[in-house]
């Protein structure tokens, strides 16, 4: 394989990865805890987009519970977003024959 061809393939891959990142930023995942009382929406880029809290779960006497539920839902949503990203990027890099640790 010649260097020019490898460079062209690398440029195409870089372009496709940029497009994939844009696509992932547009895709949403949701995580919910406490039977749907706290719902967090994130995207494939790992950004938290929204948090919904059912007023029935808000107890001024137990703010710690609400904090724990929100934190748990945020962590789950971010994990789901990262998993989605890894799956999609893995599809993109699957045929490249990258050494272990260099793929997604």
PDB file of N, CA and C in Angstrom:
ATOM      1  N   UNK A   1       0.856  -1.179   0.000  1.00  0.00           N
ATOM      2  CA  UNK A   1       0.000   0.000   0.000  1.00  0.00           C
ATOM      3  C   UNK A   1       0.897   1.236   0.000  1.00  0.00           C
ATOM      4  N   UNK A   2       0.572   2.204  -0.841  1.00  0.00           N
ATOM      5  CA  UNK A   2       1.414   3.394  -0.903  1.00  0.00           C
ATOM      6  C   UNK A   2       0.952   4.459   0.090  1.00  0.00           C
ATOM      7  N   UNK A   3       1.842   5.367   0.400  1.00  0.00           N
ATOM      8  CA  UNK A   3       1.599   6.404   1.404  1.00  0.00           C
ATOM      9  C   UNK A   3       0.444   7.318   0.988  1.00  0.00           C
ATOM     10  N   UNK A   4       0.367   7.681  -0.266  1.00  0.00           N
ATOM     11  CA  UNK A   4      -0.695   8.582  -0.734  1.00  0.00           C
ATOM     12  C   UNK A   4      -2.074   7.962  -0.502  1.00  0.00           C
ATOM     13  N   UNK A   5      -2.168   6.674  -0.798  1.00  0.00           N
ATOM     14  CA  UNK A   5      -3.450   5.986  -0.603  1.00  0.00           C
ATOM     15  C   UNK A   5      -3.798   5.916   0.881  1.00  0.00           C
ATOM     16  N   UNK A   6      -2.795   5.648   1.724  1.00  0.00           N
ATOM     17  CA  UNK A   6      -3.025   5.596   3.170  1.00  0.00           C
ATOM     18  C   UNK A   6      -3.462   6.959   3.709  1.00  0.00           C
ATOM     19  N   UNK A   7      -2.848   8.020   3.218  1.00  0.00           N
ATOM     20  CA  UNK A   7      -3.205   9.372   3.656  1.00  0.00           C
ATOM     21  C   UNK A   7      -4.638   9.709   3.251  1.00  0.00           C
ATOM     22  N   UNK A   8      -5.012   9.326   2.043  1.00  0.00           N
ATOM     23  CA  UNK A   8      -6.376   9.589   1.577  1.00  0.00           C
ATOM     24  C   UNK A   8      -7.385   8.825   2.438  1.00  0.00           C
ATOM     25  N   UNK A   9      -7.086   7.569   2.754  1.00  0.00           N
ATOM     26  CA  UNK A   9      -7.968   6.778   3.604  1.00  0.00           C
ATOM     27  C   UNK A   9      -8.065   7.388   4.996  1.00  0.00           C
ATOM     28  N   UNK A  10      -6.955   7.871   5.528  1.00  0.00           N
ATOM     29  CA  UNK A  10      -6.949   8.492   6.850  1.00  0.00           C
ATOM     30  C   UNK A  10      -7.803   9.757   6.850  1.00  0.00           C
ATOM     31  N   UNK A  11      -7.725  10.544   5.776  1.00  0.00           N
ATOM     32  CA  UNK A  11      -8.544  11.753   5.672  1.00  0.00           C
ATOM     33  C   UNK A  11     -10.020  11.399   5.591  1.00  0.00           C
ATOM     34  N   UNK A  12     -10.344  10.370   4.827  1.00  0.00           N
ATOM     35  CA  UNK A  12     -11.738   9.934   4.723  1.00  0.00           C
ATOM     36  C   UNK A  12     -12.253   9.451   6.075  1.00  0.00           C
ATOM     37  N   UNK A  13     -11.411   8.698   6.789  1.00  0.00           N
ATOM     38  CA  UNK A  13     -11.790   8.204   8.109  1.00  0.00           C
ATOM     39  C   UNK A  13     -12.001   9.364   9.072  1.00  0.00           C
ATOM     40  N   UNK A  14     -11.131  10.344   9.032  1.00  0.00           N
ATOM     41  CA  UNK A  14     -11.256  11.499   9.918  1.00  0.00           C
ATOM     42  C   UNK A  14     -12.554  12.243   9.625  1.00  0.00           C
ATOM     43  N   UNK A  15     -12.875  12.401   8.350  1.00  0.00           N
ATOM     44  CA  UNK A  15     -14.116  13.071   7.971  1.00  0.00           C
ATOM     45  C   UNK A  15     -15.316  12.281   8.486  1.00  0.00           C
ATOM     46  N   UNK A  16     -15.288  10.965   8.289  1.00  0.00           N
ATOM     47  CA  UNK A  16     -16.403  10.112   8.722  1.00  0.00           C
ATOM     48  C   UNK A  16     -16.551  10.132  10.242  1.00  0.00           C
ATOM     49  N   UNK A  17     -15.428  10.183  10.966  1.00  0.00           N
ATOM     50  CA  UNK A  17     -15.494  10.236  12.429  1.00  0.00           C
ATOM     51  C   UNK A  17     -16.120  11.551  12.889  1.00  0.00           C
ATOM     52  N   UNK A  18     -15.801  12.639  12.208  1.00  0.00           N
ATOM     53  CA  UNK A  18     -16.425  13.927  12.531  1.00  0.00           C
ATOM     54  C   UNK A  18     -17.928  13.877  12.300  1.00  0.00           C
ATOM     55  N   UNK A  19     -18.323  13.273  11.187  1.00  0.00           N
ATOM     56  CA  UNK A  19     -19.748  13.117  10.900  1.00  0.00           C
ATOM     57  C   UNK A  19     -20.429  12.243  11.950  1.00  0.00           C
ATOM     58  N   UNK A  20     -19.730  11.170  12.351  1.00  0.00           N
ATOM     59  CA  UNK A  20     -20.275  10.254  13.347  1.00  0.00           C
ATOM     60  C   UNK A  20     -20.466  10.978  14.681  1.00  0.00           C
ATOM     61  N   UNK A  21     -19.523  11.815  15.058  1.00  0.00           N
ATOM     62  CA  UNK A  21     -19.649  12.560  16.311  1.00  0.00           C
ATOM     63  C   UNK A  21     -20.853  13.488  16.276  1.00  0.00           C
ATOM     64  N   UNK A  22     -21.096  14.098  15.133  1.00  0.00           N
ATOM     65  CA  UNK A  22     -22.277  14.953  14.986  1.00  0.00           C
ATOM     66  C   UNK A  22     -23.556  14.125  15.108  1.00  0.00           C
ATOM     67  N   UNK A  23     -23.562  12.958  14.477  1.00  0.00           N
ATOM     68  CA  UNK A  23     -24.723  12.074  14.559  1.00  0.00           C
ATOM     69  C   UNK A  23     -24.976  11.626  15.999  1.00  0.00           C
ATOM     70  N   UNK A  24     -23.899  11.291  16.703  1.00  0.00           N
ATOM     71  CA  UNK A  24     -24.041  10.854  18.094  1.00  0.00           C
ATOM     72  C   UNK A  24     -24.565  11.977  18.981  1.00  0.00           C
ATOM     73  N   UNK A  25     -24.140  13.188  18.715  1.00  0.00           N
ATOM     74  CA  UNK A  25     -24.620  14.329  19.501  1.00  0.00           C
ATOM     75  C   UNK A  25     -26.117  14.542  19.290  1.00  0.00           C
ATOM     76  N   UNK A  26     -26.633  14.107  18.147  1.00  0.00           N
ATOM     77  CA  UNK A  26     -28.052  14.262  17.854  1.00  0.00           C
ATOM     78  C   UNK A  26     -28.904  13.109  18.399  1.00  0.00           C
ATOM     79  N   UNK A  27     -28.275  11.989  18.757  1.00  0.00           N
ATOM     80  CA  UNK A  27     -29.015  10.830  19.275  1.00  0.00           C
ATOM     81  C   UNK A  27     -29.147  10.928  20.787  1.00  0.00           C
ATOM     82  N   UNK A  28     -30.302  10.559  21.282  1.00  0.00           N
ATOM     83  CA  UNK A  28     -30.568  10.675  22.713  1.00  0.00           C
ATOM     84  C   UNK A  28     -30.779   9.324  23.365  1.00  0.00           C
ATOM     85  N   UNK A  29     -30.376   9.253  24.637  1.00  0.00           N
ATOM     86  CA  UNK A  29     -30.638   8.093  25.478  1.00  0.00           C
ATOM     87  C   UNK A  29     -31.291   8.608  26.751  1.00  0.00           C
ATOM     88  N   UNK A  30     -32.055   7.749  27.411  1.00  0.00           N
ATOM     89  CA  UNK A  30     -32.699   8.129  28.665  1.00  0.00           C
ATOM     90  C   UNK A  30     -32.427   7.088  29.728  1.00  0.00           C
ATOM     91  N   UNK A  31     -32.258   7.584  30.940  1.00  0.00           N
ATOM     92  CA  UNK A  31     -32.122   6.700  32.092  1.00  0.00           C
ATOM     93  C   UNK A  31     -33.120   7.182  33.131  1.00  0.00           C
ATOM     94  N   UNK A  32     -33.754   6.225  33.794  1.00  0.00           N
ATOM     95  CA  UNK A  32     -34.707   6.599  34.832  1.00  0.00           C
ATOM     96  C   UNK A  32     -34.465   5.749  36.071  1.00  0.00           C
ATOM     97  N   UNK A  33     -34.773   6.339  37.213  1.00  0.00           N
ATOM     98  CA  UNK A  33     -34.649   5.644  38.487  1.00  0.00           C
ATOM     99  C   UNK A  33     -35.927   5.899  39.281  1.00  0.00           C
ATOM    100  N   UNK A  34     -36.073   5.139  40.335  1.00  0.00           N
ATOM    101  CA  UNK A  34     -37.236   5.272  41.228  1.00  0.00           C
ATOM    102  C   UNK A  34     -38.545   5.132  40.460  1.00  0.00           C
ATOM    103  N   UNK A  35     -38.582   4.130  39.605  1.00  0.00           N
ATOM    104  CA  UNK A  35     -39.806   3.878  38.854  1.00  0.00           C
ATOM    105  C   UNK A  35     -40.203   5.010  37.930  1.00  0.00           C
ATOM    106  N   UNK A  36     -39.205   5.699  37.382  1.00  0.00           N
ATOM    107  CA  UNK A  36     -39.475   6.788  36.450  1.00  0.00           C
ATOM    108  C   UNK A  36     -39.689   8.132  37.116  1.00  0.00           C
ATOM    109  N   UNK A  37     -39.466   8.216  38.401  1.00  0.00           N
ATOM    110  CA  UNK A  37     -39.663   9.486  39.126  1.00  0.00           C
ATOM    111  C   UNK A  37     -38.564  10.499  38.784  1.00  0.00           C
ATOM    112  N   UNK A  38     -37.381  10.002  38.420  1.00  0.00           N
ATOM    113  CA  UNK A  38     -36.284  10.855  37.960  1.00  0.00           C
ATOM    114  C   UNK A  38     -35.830  10.312  36.617  1.00  0.00           C
ATOM    115  N   UNK A  39     -35.873  11.165  35.590  1.00  0.00           N
ATOM    116  CA  UNK A  39     -35.497  10.764  34.238  1.00  0.00           C
ATOM    117  C   UNK A  39     -34.446  11.742  33.725  1.00  0.00           C
ATOM    118  N   UNK A  40     -33.348  11.196  33.229  1.00  0.00           N
ATOM    119  CA  UNK A  40     -32.270  12.012  32.670  1.00  0.00           C
ATOM    120  C   UNK A  40     -32.105  11.644  31.203  1.00  0.00           C
ATOM    121  N   UNK A  41     -32.031  12.671  30.367  1.00  0.00           N
ATOM    122  CA  UNK A  41     -31.803  12.486  28.949  1.00  0.00           C
ATOM    123  C   UNK A  41     -30.401  12.991  28.633  1.00  0.00           C
ATOM    124  N   UNK A  42     -29.652  12.162  27.907  1.00  0.00           N
ATOM    125  CA  UNK A  42     -28.296  12.534  27.481  1.00  0.00           C
ATOM    126  C   UNK A  42     -28.174  12.218  25.998  1.00  0.00           C
ATOM    127  N   UNK A  43     -27.052  12.633  25.412  1.00  0.00           N
ATOM    128  CA  UNK A  43     -26.836  12.299  24.013  1.00  0.00           C
ATOM    129  C   UNK A  43     -25.634  11.373  23.875  1.00  0.00           C
ATOM    130  N   UNK A  44     -25.385  10.950  22.660  1.00  0.00           N
ATOM    131  CA  UNK A  44     -24.282  10.030  22.407  1.00  0.00           C
ATOM    132  C   UNK A  44     -22.917  10.637  22.626  1.00  0.00           C
ATOM    133  N   UNK A  45     -22.866  11.962  22.780  1.00  0.00           N
ATOM    134  CA  UNK A  45     -21.602  12.631  23.081  1.00  0.00           C
ATOM    135  C   UNK A  45     -21.349  12.674  24.589  1.00  0.00           C
ATOM    136  N   UNK A  46     -22.319  12.193  25.373  1.00  0.00           N
ATOM    137  CA  UNK A  46     -22.161  12.170  26.826  1.00  0.00           C
ATOM    138  C   UNK A  46     -22.642  13.423  27.522  1.00  0.00           C
ATOM    139  N   UNK A  47     -23.320  14.295  26.795  1.00  0.00           N
ATOM    140  CA  UNK A  47     -23.848  15.519  27.389  1.00  0.00           C
ATOM    141  C   UNK A  47     -25.227  15.269  27.985  1.00  0.00           C
ATOM    142  N   UNK A  48     -25.453  15.769  29.194  1.00  0.00           N
ATOM    143  CA  UNK A  48     -26.776  15.689  29.811  1.00  0.00           C
ATOM    144  C   UNK A  48     -27.627  16.798  29.199  1.00  0.00           C
ATOM    145  N   UNK A  49     -28.779  16.414  28.651  1.00  0.00           N
ATOM    146  CA  UNK A  49     -29.651  17.363  27.958  1.00  0.00           C
ATOM    147  C   UNK A  49     -30.829  17.812  28.810  1.00  0.00           C
ATOM    148  N   UNK A  50     -31.336  16.918  29.657  1.00  0.00           N
ATOM    149  CA  UNK A  50     -32.519  17.265  30.446  1.00  0.00           C
ATOM    150  C   UNK A  50     -32.611  16.367  31.672  1.00  0.00           C
ATOM    151  N   UNK A  51     -33.205  16.925  32.715  1.00  0.00           N
ATOM    152  CA  UNK A  51     -33.505  16.168  33.927  1.00  0.00           C
ATOM    153  C   UNK A  51     -34.953  16.469  34.296  1.00  0.00           C
ATOM    154  N   UNK A  52     -35.738  15.427  34.446  1.00  0.00           N
ATOM    155  CA  UNK A  52     -37.138  15.557  34.848  1.00  0.00           C
ATOM    156  C   UNK A  52     -37.304  14.897  36.207  1.00  0.00           C
ATOM    157  N   UNK A  53     -37.938  15.602  37.123  1.00  0.00           N
ATOM    158  CA  UNK A  53     -38.174  15.081  38.468  1.00  0.00           C
ATOM    159  C   UNK A  53     -39.661  15.186  38.778  1.00  0.00           C
ATOM    160  N   UNK A  54     -40.258  14.067  39.104  1.00  0.00           N
ATOM    161  CA  UNK A  54     -41.662  14.032  39.496  1.00  0.00           C
ATOM    162  C   UNK A  54     -41.797  14.757  40.838  1.00  0.00           C
ATOM    163  N   UNK A  55     -42.658  15.759  40.927  1.00  0.00           N
ATOM    164  CA  UNK A  55     -42.825  16.504  42.184  1.00  0.00           C
ATOM    165  C   UNK A  55     -43.176  15.610  43.376  1.00  0.00           C
ATOM    166  N   UNK A  56     -43.760  14.460  43.124  1.00  0.00           N
ATOM    167  CA  UNK A  56     -44.146  13.565  44.215  1.00  0.00           C
ATOM    168  C   UNK A  56     -42.937  13.036  44.979  1.00  0.00           C
ATOM    169  N   UNK A  57     -41.783  13.050  44.350  1.00  0.00           N
ATOM    170  CA  UNK A  57     -40.589  12.510  45.007  1.00  0.00           C
ATOM    171  C   UNK A  57     -39.810  13.582  45.778  1.00  0.00           C
ATOM    172  N   UNK A  58     -40.202  14.830  45.618  1.00  0.00           N
ATOM    173  CA  UNK A  58     -39.504  15.924  46.300  1.00  0.00           C
ATOM    174  C   UNK A  58     -39.983  16.007  47.747  1.00  0.00           C
ATOM    175  N   UNK A  59     -39.058  15.723  48.643  1.00  0.00           N
ATOM    176  CA  UNK A  59     -39.341  15.768  50.083  1.00  0.00           C
ATOM    177  C   UNK A  59     -38.302  16.682  50.734  1.00  0.00           C
ATOM    178  N   UNK A  60     -38.704  17.874  51.175  1.00  0.00           N
ATOM    179  CA  UNK A  60     -37.747  18.795  51.785  1.00  0.00           C
ATOM    180  C   UNK A  60     -37.035  18.196  53.000  1.00  0.00           C
ATOM    181  N   UNK A  61     -37.621  17.179  53.583  1.00  0.00           N
ATOM    182  CA  UNK A  61     -37.017  16.535  54.750  1.00  0.00           C
ATOM    183  C   UNK A  61     -35.970  15.488  54.361  1.00  0.00           C
ATOM    184  N   UNK A  62     -35.933  15.120  53.080  1.00  0.00           N
ATOM    185  CA  UNK A  62     -34.991  14.088  52.636  1.00  0.00           C
ATOM    186  C   UNK A  62     -34.363  14.479  51.295  1.00  0.00           C
ATOM    187  N   UNK A  63     -33.659  15.583  51.287  1.00  0.00           N
ATOM    188  CA  UNK A  63     -33.010  16.068  50.078  1.00  0.00           C
ATOM    189  C   UNK A  63     -31.926  15.096  49.616  1.00  0.00           C
ATOM    190  N   UNK A  64     -31.286  14.420  50.544  1.00  0.00           N
ATOM    191  CA  UNK A  64     -30.230  13.464  50.188  1.00  0.00           C
ATOM    192  C   UNK A  64     -30.732  12.372  49.254  1.00  0.00           C
ATOM    193  N   UNK A  65     -31.933  11.874  49.494  1.00  0.00           N
ATOM    194  CA  UNK A  65     -32.495  10.837  48.626  1.00  0.00           C
ATOM    195  C   UNK A  65     -32.635  11.370  47.212  1.00  0.00           C
ATOM    196  N   UNK A  66     -33.168  12.560  47.063  1.00  0.00           N
ATOM    197  CA  UNK A  66     -33.334  13.148  45.736  1.00  0.00           C
ATOM    198  C   UNK A  66     -31.981  13.349  45.063  1.00  0.00           C
ATOM    199  N   UNK A  67     -31.001  13.829  45.808  1.00  0.00           N
ATOM    200  CA  UNK A  67     -29.664  14.015  45.257  1.00  0.00           C
ATOM    201  C   UNK A  67     -29.089  12.689  44.764  1.00  0.00           C
ATOM    202  N   UNK A  68     -29.244  11.647  45.551  1.00  0.00           N
ATOM    203  CA  UNK A  68     -28.743  10.321  45.173  1.00  0.00           C
ATOM    204  C   UNK A  68     -29.442   9.799  43.920  1.00  0.00           C
ATOM    205  N   UNK A  69     -30.746  10.001  43.839  1.00  0.00           N
ATOM    206  CA  UNK A  69     -31.496   9.535  42.671  1.00  0.00           C
ATOM    207  C   UNK A  69     -31.068  10.276  41.413  1.00  0.00           C
ATOM    208  N   UNK A  70     -30.914  11.583  41.528  1.00  0.00           N
ATOM    209  CA  UNK A  70     -30.487  12.376  40.366  1.00  0.00           C
ATOM    210  C   UNK A  70     -29.085  11.953  39.934  1.00  0.00           C
ATOM    211  N   UNK A  71     -28.194  11.811  40.877  1.00  0.00           N
ATOM    212  CA  UNK A  71     -26.827  11.393  40.546  1.00  0.00           C
ATOM    213  C   UNK A  71     -26.814  10.025  39.872  1.00  0.00           C
ATOM    214  N   UNK A  72     -27.580   9.105  40.385  1.00  0.00           N
ATOM    215  CA  UNK A  72     -27.651   7.765  39.806  1.00  0.00           C
ATOM    216  C   UNK A  72     -28.167   7.812  38.372  1.00  0.00           C
ATOM    217  N   UNK A  73     -29.225   8.563  38.153  1.00  0.00           N
ATOM    218  CA  UNK A  73     -29.798   8.659  36.809  1.00  0.00           C
ATOM    219  C   UNK A  73     -28.830   9.343  35.847  1.00  0.00           C
ATOM    220  N   UNK A  74     -28.124  10.373  36.308  1.00  0.00           N
ATOM    221  CA  UNK A  74     -27.146  11.058  35.455  1.00  0.00           C
ATOM    222  C   UNK A  74     -26.025  10.099  35.064  1.00  0.00           C
ATOM    223  N   UNK A  75     -25.517   9.361  36.030  1.00  0.00           N
ATOM    224  CA  UNK A  75     -24.447   8.401  35.733  1.00  0.00           C
ATOM    225  C   UNK A  75     -24.905   7.365  34.717  1.00  0.00           C
ATOM    226  N   UNK A  76     -26.125   6.858  34.889  1.00  0.00           N
ATOM    227  CA  UNK A  76     -26.649   5.850  33.961  1.00  0.00           C
ATOM    228  C   UNK A  76     -26.805   6.424  32.557  1.00  0.00           C
ATOM    229  N   UNK A  77     -27.311   7.643  32.461  1.00  0.00           N
ATOM    230  CA  UNK A  77     -27.512   8.263  31.147  1.00  0.00           C
ATOM    231  C   UNK A  77     -26.178   8.505  30.451  1.00  0.00           C
ATOM    232  N   UNK A  78     -25.197   8.976  31.180  1.00  0.00           N
ATOM    233  CA  UNK A  78     -23.879   9.212  30.590  1.00  0.00           C
ATOM    234  C   UNK A  78     -23.257   7.888  30.136  1.00  0.00           C
ATOM    235  N   UNK A  79     -23.395   6.861  30.945  1.00  0.00           N
ATOM    236  CA  UNK A  79     -22.879   5.546  30.573  1.00  0.00           C
ATOM    237  C   UNK A  79     -23.556   5.045  29.304  1.00  0.00           C
ATOM    238  N   UNK A  80     -24.873   5.196  29.218  1.00  0.00           N
ATOM    239  CA  UNK A  80     -25.594   4.770  28.016  1.00  0.00           C
ATOM    240  C   UNK A  80     -25.122   5.554  26.791  1.00  0.00           C
ATOM    241  N   UNK A  81     -24.900   6.848  26.961  1.00  0.00           N
ATOM    242  CA  UNK A  81     -24.407   7.670  25.853  1.00  0.00           C
ATOM    243  C   UNK A  81     -23.026   7.224  25.401  1.00  0.00           C
ATOM    244  N   UNK A  82     -22.145   6.942  26.353  1.00  0.00           N
ATOM    245  CA  UNK A  82     -20.795   6.471  26.014  1.00  0.00           C
ATOM    246  C   UNK A  82     -20.844   5.102  25.345  1.00  0.00           C
ATOM    247  N   UNK A  83     -21.723   4.226  25.844  1.00  0.00           N
ATOM    248  CA  UNK A  83     -21.866   2.898  25.228  1.00  0.00           C
ATOM    249  C   UNK A  83     -22.324   3.022  23.782  1.00  0.00           C
ATOM    250  N   UNK A  84     -23.292   3.900  23.544  1.00  0.00           N
ATOM    251  CA  UNK A  84     -23.782   4.136  22.190  1.00  0.00           C
ATOM    252  C   UNK A  84     -22.643   4.629  21.305  1.00  0.00           C
ATOM    253  N   UNK A  85     -21.870   5.559  21.823  1.00  0.00           N
ATOM    254  CA  UNK A  85     -20.740   6.107  21.068  1.00  0.00           C
ATOM    255  C   UNK A  85     -19.717   5.022  20.738  1.00  0.00           C
ATOM    256  N   UNK A  86     -19.377   4.195  21.713  1.00  0.00           N
ATOM    257  CA  UNK A  86     -18.403   3.133  21.478  1.00  0.00           C
ATOM    258  C   UNK A  86     -18.905   2.130  20.451  1.00  0.00           C
ATOM    259  N   UNK A  87     -20.197   1.800  20.519  1.00  0.00           N
ATOM    260  CA  UNK A  87     -20.761   0.851  19.553  1.00  0.00           C
ATOM    261  C   UNK A  87     -20.676   1.412  18.131  1.00  0.00           C
ATOM    262  N   UNK A  88     -21.073   2.671  17.979  1.00  0.00           N
ATOM    263  CA  UNK A  88     -21.090   3.267  16.650  1.00  0.00           C
ATOM    264  C   UNK A  88     -19.678   3.491  16.116  1.00  0.00           C
ATOM    265  N   UNK A  89     -18.776   3.963  16.947  1.00  0.00           N
ATOM    266  CA  UNK A  89     -17.395   4.165  16.506  1.00  0.00           C
ATOM    267  C   UNK A  89     -16.725   2.816  16.228  1.00  0.00           C
ATOM    268  N   UNK A  90     -17.090   1.805  17.000  1.00  0.00           N
ATOM    269  CA  UNK A  90     -16.557   0.468  16.767  1.00  0.00           C
ATOM    270  C   UNK A  90     -16.947  -0.050  15.392  1.00  0.00           C
ATOM    271  N   UNK A  91     -18.173   0.241  14.972  1.00  0.00           N
ATOM    272  CA  UNK A  91     -18.613  -0.160  13.630  1.00  0.00           C
ATOM    273  C   UNK A  91     -17.774   0.541  12.566  1.00  0.00           C
ATOM    274  N   UNK A  92     -17.463   1.798  12.835  1.00  0.00           N
ATOM    275  CA  UNK A  92     -16.704   2.594  11.875  1.00  0.00           C
ATOM    276  C   UNK A  92     -15.272   2.098  11.737  1.00  0.00           C
ATOM    277  N   UNK A  93     -14.669   1.688  12.831  1.00  0.00           N
ATOM    278  CA  UNK A  93     -13.258   1.285  12.808  1.00  0.00           C
ATOM    279  C   UNK A  93     -13.064  -0.229  12.695  1.00  0.00           C
ATOM    280  N   UNK A  94     -14.136  -0.983  12.582  1.00  0.00           N
ATOM    281  CA  UNK A  94     -14.059  -2.449  12.600  1.00  0.00           C
ATOM    282  C   UNK A  94     -13.150  -3.028  11.525  1.00  0.00           C
ATOM    283  N   UNK A  95     -13.171  -2.498  10.345  1.00  0.00           N
ATOM    284  CA  UNK A  95     -12.401  -3.077   9.258  1.00  0.00           C
ATOM    285  C   UNK A  95     -10.999  -2.528   9.116  1.00  0.00           C
ATOM    286  N   UNK A  96     -10.565  -1.731  10.048  1.00  0.00           N
ATOM    287  CA  UNK A  96      -9.262  -1.091   9.900  1.00  0.00           C
ATOM    288  C   UNK A  96      -8.091  -1.940  10.355  1.00  0.00           C
ATOM    289  N   UNK A  97      -8.358  -2.965  11.158  1.00  0.00           N
ATOM    290  CA  UNK A  97      -7.270  -3.785  11.659  1.00  0.00           C
ATOM    291  C   UNK A  97      -6.365  -3.037  12.616  1.00  0.00           C
ATOM    292  N   UNK A  98      -6.958  -2.172  13.450  1.00  0.00           N
ATOM    293  CA  UNK A  98      -6.166  -1.420  14.425  1.00  0.00           C
ATOM    294  C   UNK A  98      -5.685  -2.329  15.542  1.00  0.00           C
ATOM    295  N   UNK A  99      -4.505  -2.052  16.054  1.00  0.00           N
ATOM    296  CA  UNK A  99      -4.016  -2.842  17.197  1.00  0.00           C
ATOM    297  C   UNK A  99      -4.927  -2.641  18.409  1.00  0.00           C
ATOM    298  N   UNK A 100      -4.948  -3.608  19.334  1.00  0.00           N
ATOM    299  CA  UNK A 100      -5.771  -3.468  20.527  1.00  0.00           C
ATOM    300  C   UNK A 100      -5.457  -2.169  21.250  1.00  0.00           C
ATOM    301  N   UNK A 101      -6.520  -1.495  21.698  1.00  0.00           N
ATOM    302  CA  UNK A 101      -6.355  -0.249  22.422  1.00  0.00           C
ATOM    303  C   UNK A 101      -6.461   0.983  21.548  1.00  0.00           C
ATOM    304  N   UNK A 102      -6.355   0.828  20.233  1.00  0.00           N
ATOM    305  CA  UNK A 102      -6.458   1.973  19.345  1.00  0.00           C
ATOM    306  C   UNK A 102      -7.840   2.119  18.733  1.00  0.00           C
ATOM    307  N   UNK A 103      -8.660   1.096  18.852  1.00  0.00           N
ATOM    308  CA  UNK A 103     -10.020   1.184  18.356  1.00  0.00           C
ATOM    309  C   UNK A 103     -10.905   1.818  19.406  1.00  0.00           C
ATOM    310  N   UNK A 104     -12.187   1.891  19.117  1.00  0.00           N
ATOM    311  CA  UNK A 104     -13.139   2.476  20.067  1.00  0.00           C
ATOM    312  C   UNK A 104     -13.941   1.399  20.743  1.00  0.00           C
TER     313      UNK A 104
END
